[in-house]
Amino acid sequence: MKHPISDLSRRTVSRTIAGAALAGLAGCLGGSGATQLGSQDQFSSVGVEGTKLVVELAEGAEVEQINLIKPNGELFGQRTVAAGAEQVSFKLRTSYTPGEYRIIGLKNDESLTEITTEIRPEIQIHDVGLFRNHPDKAWEEAYGSSPTNTKKNGEAFVTVQNTGTGPGTAVELRFSGDVPNPIENPRGNGMNKTDSVVIQAGETVDLFSDSFPFGSEIGGMGCTLQGNSGQFTVELETQTTDQLVTKTFDVEYSGSEEVYDCEITIGEV
């Protein structure tokens, strides 16, 4: 999610470089001993690509070094600008601190320009579904070339989206409430064949469960010929913000006394 500097001043702080910072680049900082900042044309764009912060240099830029400052004021990293270089990048890793980062361009150890950008994931749960209702999903890729009926009928996918400006990482998936097999502490992390999933800014991904939430009835709501209805909650733990993302869904079970042969209808609350 990279934006030209000329466009950034018209966007909100939560998605791009703060307009207030851009407006101050050609002026001076308030207070005694204020430092005159250079013009904003040292950088042509700044943005997150995957798990990296990429700073593209403007034509004729004079900066020799770029420092990236964390939200707490500590140095995240610095990069020397090689002669003729068009960009530099900083690897954020999946455990970076979300917040406002300062990007400082220097020449001869003096600041030429400084801008800020907000880097923060915003993970949301959009949908949840089962093989019986969504056979077109990547079930074979998730569970093998010929997943068993038990896998197909007992597991679920959860569609999540990152609407923020930085990458986020999903580390645990849980189902609670009115599912046949609610598990507070699923085996492993409740996600199929992975310890974590990085969700890049602007990306939508399907996470596949590994805890049989819709498998055999074990302490949860089952299926009947007449029908049962209730609600269940999907819980997703994320690493970058230590955020617990949740969403509750309506569910109805009908048409059979066996879960594997049951008609299961899921809808948003």
Protein backbone atom coordinates (compact mmCIF):
# COMPACT_ATOMS: atom_id res chain seq x y z
CA MET A 1 0.00 0.00 0.00
CA LYS A 2 2.33 2.65 -1.31
CA HIS A 3 1.25 6.19 -2.12
CA PRO A 4 2.92 9.12 -3.88
CA ILE A 5 3.76 11.93 -1.49
CA SER A 6 1.68 14.35 -3.54
CA ASP A 7 -1.42 12.28 -2.84
CA LEU A 8 -0.81 11.65 0.82
CA SER A 9 -1.72 15.07 2.14
CA ARG A 10 -5.28 14.49 0.94
CA ARG A 11 -5.71 11.21 2.82
CA THR A 12 -6.47 10.42 6.44
CA VAL A 13 -3.75 9.83 9.00
CA SER A 14 -4.94 6.29 9.68
CA ARG A 15 -4.15 5.21 6.12
CA THR A 16 -1.28 7.43 5.02
CA ILE A 17 1.35 9.95 6.00
CA ALA A 18 -0.09 12.60 8.28
CA GLY A 19 -1.05 15.75 6.39
CA ALA A 20 0.04 17.91 9.28
CA ALA A 21 3.55 16.55 9.01
CA LEU A 22 3.66 17.26 5.29
CA ALA A 23 2.45 20.79 5.79
CA GLY A 24 5.29 21.43 8.21
CA LEU A 25 8.07 20.19 5.99
CA ALA A 26 8.66 23.51 4.26
CA GLY A 27 8.46 25.46 7.50
CA CYS A 28 10.16 25.25 10.84
CA LEU A 29 9.31 23.44 14.04
CA GLY A 30 7.83 25.51 16.85
CA GLY A 31 9.72 26.53 19.99
CA SER A 32 13.21 27.81 20.62
CA GLY A 33 16.06 26.07 18.83
CA ALA A 34 13.68 24.81 16.12
CA THR A 35 15.29 22.98 13.21
CA GLN A 36 14.50 24.07 9.66
CA LEU A 37 13.31 21.05 7.68
CA GLY A 38 14.01 20.64 3.99
CA SER A 39 11.33 20.41 1.31
CA GLN A 40 9.19 17.30 0.97
CA ASP A 41 10.51 16.47 -2.52
CA GLN A 42 13.24 14.21 -1.13
CA PHE A 43 10.76 11.28 -1.12
CA SER A 44 8.32 10.45 -3.90
CA SER A 45 6.33 7.84 -1.97
CA VAL A 46 6.29 5.92 1.29
CA GLY A 47 4.23 2.83 2.01
CA VAL A 48 4.08 -0.75 3.23
CA GLU A 49 4.62 -3.54 0.72
CA GLY A 50 4.05 -6.95 2.28
CA THR A 51 6.06 -6.86 5.51
CA LYS A 52 8.41 -4.06 4.43
CA LEU A 53 8.23 -0.29 4.66
CA VAL A 54 9.45 1.06 1.33
CA VAL A 55 10.69 4.63 0.86
CA GLU A 56 11.07 5.71 -2.77
CA LEU A 57 13.37 8.63 -3.43
CA ALA A 58 12.42 11.56 -5.59
CA GLU A 59 14.47 12.42 -8.64
CA GLY A 60 17.45 14.50 -7.57
CA ALA A 61 17.05 13.63 -3.88
CA GLU A 62 20.08 14.59 -1.78
CA VAL A 63 19.53 12.39 1.27
CA GLU A 64 22.45 10.14 2.16
CA GLN A 65 20.83 8.27 5.04
CA ILE A 66 17.29 7.46 6.14
CA ASN A 67 16.40 6.77 9.77
CA LEU A 68 13.17 5.08 10.83
CA ILE A 69 11.96 5.99 14.31
CA LYS A 70 9.53 3.79 16.26
CA PRO A 71 6.38 5.15 17.94
CA ASN A 72 8.20 5.21 21.30
CA GLY A 73 10.96 7.41 19.89
CA GLU A 74 13.60 4.71 19.63
CA LEU A 75 15.54 4.02 16.44
CA PHE A 76 14.00 1.17 14.46
CA GLY A 77 16.75 1.14 11.85
CA GLN A 78 18.82 3.21 9.44
CA ARG A 79 19.74 2.79 5.81
CA THR A 80 22.54 4.36 3.82
CA VAL A 81 21.36 5.61 0.44
CA ALA A 82 23.72 4.26 -2.22
CA ALA A 83 24.58 6.46 -5.18
CA GLY A 84 21.86 6.18 -7.80
CA ALA A 85 19.50 4.28 -5.49
CA GLU A 86 15.80 4.79 -6.13
CA GLN A 87 14.45 3.30 -2.92
CA VAL A 88 15.33 1.89 0.49
CA SER A 89 13.30 -0.50 2.61
CA PHE A 90 12.92 -1.58 6.23
CA LYS A 91 11.76 -5.08 7.14
CA LEU A 92 9.01 -4.66 9.71
CA ARG A 93 8.85 -8.30 10.81
CA THR A 94 5.55 -9.59 12.18
CA SER A 95 6.20 -8.37 15.73
CA TYR A 96 6.64 -4.67 14.96
CA THR A 97 4.98 -2.07 17.22
CA PRO A 98 1.90 -0.52 15.58
CA GLY A 99 1.70 3.26 15.62
CA GLU A 100 3.12 6.39 14.06
CA TYR A 101 6.61 6.08 12.58
CA ARG A 102 8.93 8.97 11.70
CA ILE A 103 11.01 8.79 8.54
CA ILE A 104 13.99 11.16 8.61
CA GLY A 105 16.20 11.90 5.61
CA LEU A 106 19.72 13.12 6.43
CA LYS A 107 22.70 14.58 4.62
CA ASN A 108 26.04 15.11 6.38
CA ASP A 109 24.32 13.96 9.59
CA GLU A 110 21.81 16.82 9.40
CA SER A 111 18.10 16.42 8.79
CA LEU A 112 16.87 17.43 5.35
CA THR A 113 13.29 16.21 5.67
CA GLU A 114 11.00 14.36 8.05
CA ILE A 115 7.58 12.80 7.53
CA THR A 116 5.36 10.46 9.56
CA THR A 117 3.25 7.46 8.61
CA GLU A 118 0.82 5.32 10.56
CA ILE A 119 1.57 1.59 10.37
CA ARG A 120 -1.17 -0.44 12.00
CA PRO A 121 -3.12 -3.58 11.07
CA GLU A 122 -6.91 -3.72 11.30
CA ILE A 123 -8.02 -7.35 11.17
CA GLN A 124 -11.72 -8.11 10.71
CA ILE A 125 -13.65 -11.38 10.42
CA HIS A 126 -15.99 -11.31 7.44
CA ASP A 127 -17.39 -14.78 6.93
CA VAL A 128 -17.37 -18.38 8.13
CA GLY A 129 -18.54 -21.41 6.20
CA LEU A 130 -18.52 -25.17 5.73
CA PHE A 131 -17.74 -27.49 2.84
CA ARG A 132 -21.40 -28.45 2.45
CA ASN A 133 -22.25 -24.81 1.73
CA HIS A 134 -19.03 -23.67 0.02
CA PRO A 135 -17.48 -26.58 -1.93
CA ASP A 136 -15.60 -24.13 -4.16
CA LYS A 137 -13.17 -23.13 -1.39
CA ALA A 138 -9.61 -24.54 -1.32
CA TRP A 139 -10.45 -27.60 0.78
CA GLU A 140 -8.10 -29.94 -1.05
CA GLU A 141 -5.26 -27.46 -0.77
CA ALA A 142 -5.91 -27.11 2.96
CA TYR A 143 -6.50 -30.75 3.90
CA GLY A 144 -4.85 -32.74 1.11
CA SER A 145 -5.73 -33.86 -2.38
CA SER A 146 -8.54 -36.11 -1.14
CA PRO A 147 -9.77 -34.80 2.21
CA THR A 148 -11.99 -37.26 4.08
CA ASN A 149 -15.67 -36.59 4.58
CA THR A 150 -14.92 -36.16 8.27
CA LYS A 151 -12.53 -33.33 7.52
CA LYS A 152 -14.80 -31.76 4.94
CA ASN A 153 -17.87 -31.87 7.14
CA GLY A 154 -16.27 -31.11 10.49
CA GLU A 155 -13.93 -28.24 9.69
CA ALA A 156 -14.69 -24.65 8.67
CA PHE A 157 -13.09 -21.75 6.87
CA VAL A 158 -12.99 -18.20 8.25
CA THR A 159 -12.52 -15.26 5.87
CA VAL A 160 -10.54 -12.39 7.39
CA GLN A 161 -9.48 -9.03 5.96
CA ASN A 162 -6.82 -6.53 6.92
CA THR A 163 -8.12 -3.01 6.25
CA GLY A 164 -5.20 -1.32 8.02
CA THR A 165 -1.89 0.11 6.85
CA GLY A 166 0.46 -2.60 8.13
CA PRO A 167 0.70 -6.40 8.18
CA GLY A 168 -0.97 -8.42 10.93
CA THR A 169 -0.47 -12.00 12.06
CA ALA A 170 -3.14 -14.52 13.04
CA VAL A 171 -1.87 -16.99 15.66
CA GLU A 172 -4.93 -18.82 17.05
CA LEU A 173 -8.45 -19.64 15.86
CA ARG A 174 -11.27 -20.71 18.19
CA PHE A 175 -15.01 -21.45 18.00
CA SER A 176 -17.25 -21.03 21.03
CA GLY A 177 -20.98 -21.13 21.71
CA ASP A 178 -23.51 -23.18 19.76
CA VAL A 179 -21.27 -25.36 17.60
CA PRO A 180 -21.22 -29.15 18.01
CA ASN A 181 -17.65 -29.15 19.29
CA PRO A 182 -16.72 -25.88 21.05
CA ILE A 183 -13.12 -25.92 22.28
CA GLU A 184 -11.62 -23.16 24.43
CA ASN A 185 -8.09 -24.48 23.97
CA PRO A 186 -7.89 -26.23 20.59
CA ARG A 187 -5.15 -28.65 19.68
CA GLY A 188 -2.20 -26.60 18.45
CA ASN A 189 -3.61 -23.20 17.57
CA GLY A 190 -6.83 -24.26 15.87
CA MET A 191 -5.51 -23.40 12.40
CA ASN A 192 -4.73 -26.01 9.80
CA LYS A 193 -1.06 -26.89 9.24
CA THR A 194 0.42 -23.56 10.31
CA ASP A 195 1.70 -21.77 13.40
CA SER A 196 0.70 -18.34 12.08
CA VAL A 197 -0.65 -16.56 9.02
CA VAL A 198 0.58 -13.12 7.95
CA ILE A 199 -2.22 -10.97 6.55
CA GLN A 200 -0.83 -8.08 4.55
CA ALA A 201 -2.41 -4.64 4.47
CA GLY A 202 -5.38 -4.71 2.09
CA GLU A 203 -5.37 -8.52 1.88
CA THR A 204 -8.28 -10.93 2.36
CA VAL A 205 -7.48 -14.56 3.24
CA ASP A 206 -9.29 -17.75 4.21
CA LEU A 207 -8.13 -19.48 7.40
CA PHE A 208 -9.02 -23.16 7.72
CA SER A 209 -9.77 -24.66 11.12
CA ASP A 210 -8.10 -27.68 12.70
CA SER A 211 -10.35 -28.35 15.70
CA PHE A 212 -13.49 -29.99 14.16
CA PRO A 213 -15.87 -27.28 15.38
CA PHE A 214 -18.68 -28.80 13.28
CA GLY A 215 -17.66 -32.43 13.82
CA SER A 216 -19.22 -34.83 16.29
CA GLU A 217 -21.37 -33.32 19.00
CA ILE A 218 -19.11 -32.99 22.05
CA GLY A 219 -20.63 -30.69 24.63
CA GLY A 220 -22.19 -28.34 22.08
CA MET A 221 -25.37 -27.93 20.09
CA GLY A 222 -26.37 -30.82 17.86
CA CYS A 223 -28.68 -31.41 14.95
CA THR A 224 -32.31 -32.60 15.12
CA LEU A 225 -35.00 -33.35 12.57
CA GLN A 226 -37.09 -30.46 13.90
CA GLY A 227 -34.15 -28.07 14.05
CA ASN A 228 -31.99 -26.28 16.59
CA SER A 229 -30.84 -22.67 16.41
CA GLY A 230 -28.38 -20.55 18.32
CA GLN A 231 -25.29 -18.42 18.02
CA PHE A 232 -21.57 -19.09 17.96
CA THR A 233 -18.53 -16.83 18.08
CA VAL A 234 -15.33 -17.01 16.08
CA GLU A 235 -12.29 -15.77 18.00
CA LEU A 236 -9.02 -14.90 16.30
CA GLU A 237 -5.90 -14.02 18.26
CA THR A 238 -3.41 -11.75 16.51
CA GLN A 239 0.23 -11.22 17.34
CA THR A 240 1.07 -7.72 16.20
CA THR A 241 -1.46 -5.91 18.40
CA ASP A 242 -2.25 -8.68 20.93
CA GLN A 243 -5.79 -8.10 19.70
CA LEU A 244 -8.60 -10.62 20.07
CA VAL A 245 -10.80 -10.28 17.00
CA THR A 246 -14.30 -11.72 17.40
CA LYS A 247 -17.51 -12.02 15.43
CA THR A 248 -20.76 -13.74 16.33
CA PHE A 249 -22.95 -15.62 13.84
CA ASP A 250 -26.46 -17.07 13.89
CA VAL A 251 -26.64 -20.80 13.16
CA GLU A 252 -29.47 -23.28 12.50
CA TYR A 253 -29.20 -27.08 12.40
CA SER A 254 -32.01 -29.14 10.85
CA GLY A 255 -33.04 -32.16 8.79
CA SER A 256 -31.11 -34.92 10.53
CA GLU A 257 -30.01 -36.26 13.89
CA GLU A 258 -26.44 -36.69 12.65
CA VAL A 259 -24.19 -33.66 12.31
CA TYR A 260 -22.42 -34.97 9.20
CA ASP A 261 -25.76 -35.20 7.36
CA CYS A 262 -27.24 -32.05 8.86
CA GLU A 263 -28.30 -28.92 7.03
CA ILE A 264 -26.36 -26.09 8.67
CA THR A 265 -27.29 -22.51 7.89
CA ILE A 266 -24.95 -19.72 9.06
CA GLY A 267 -25.76 -16.04 8.92
CA GLU A 268 -24.60 -12.76 10.43
CA VAL A 269 -26.21 -11.58 13.64
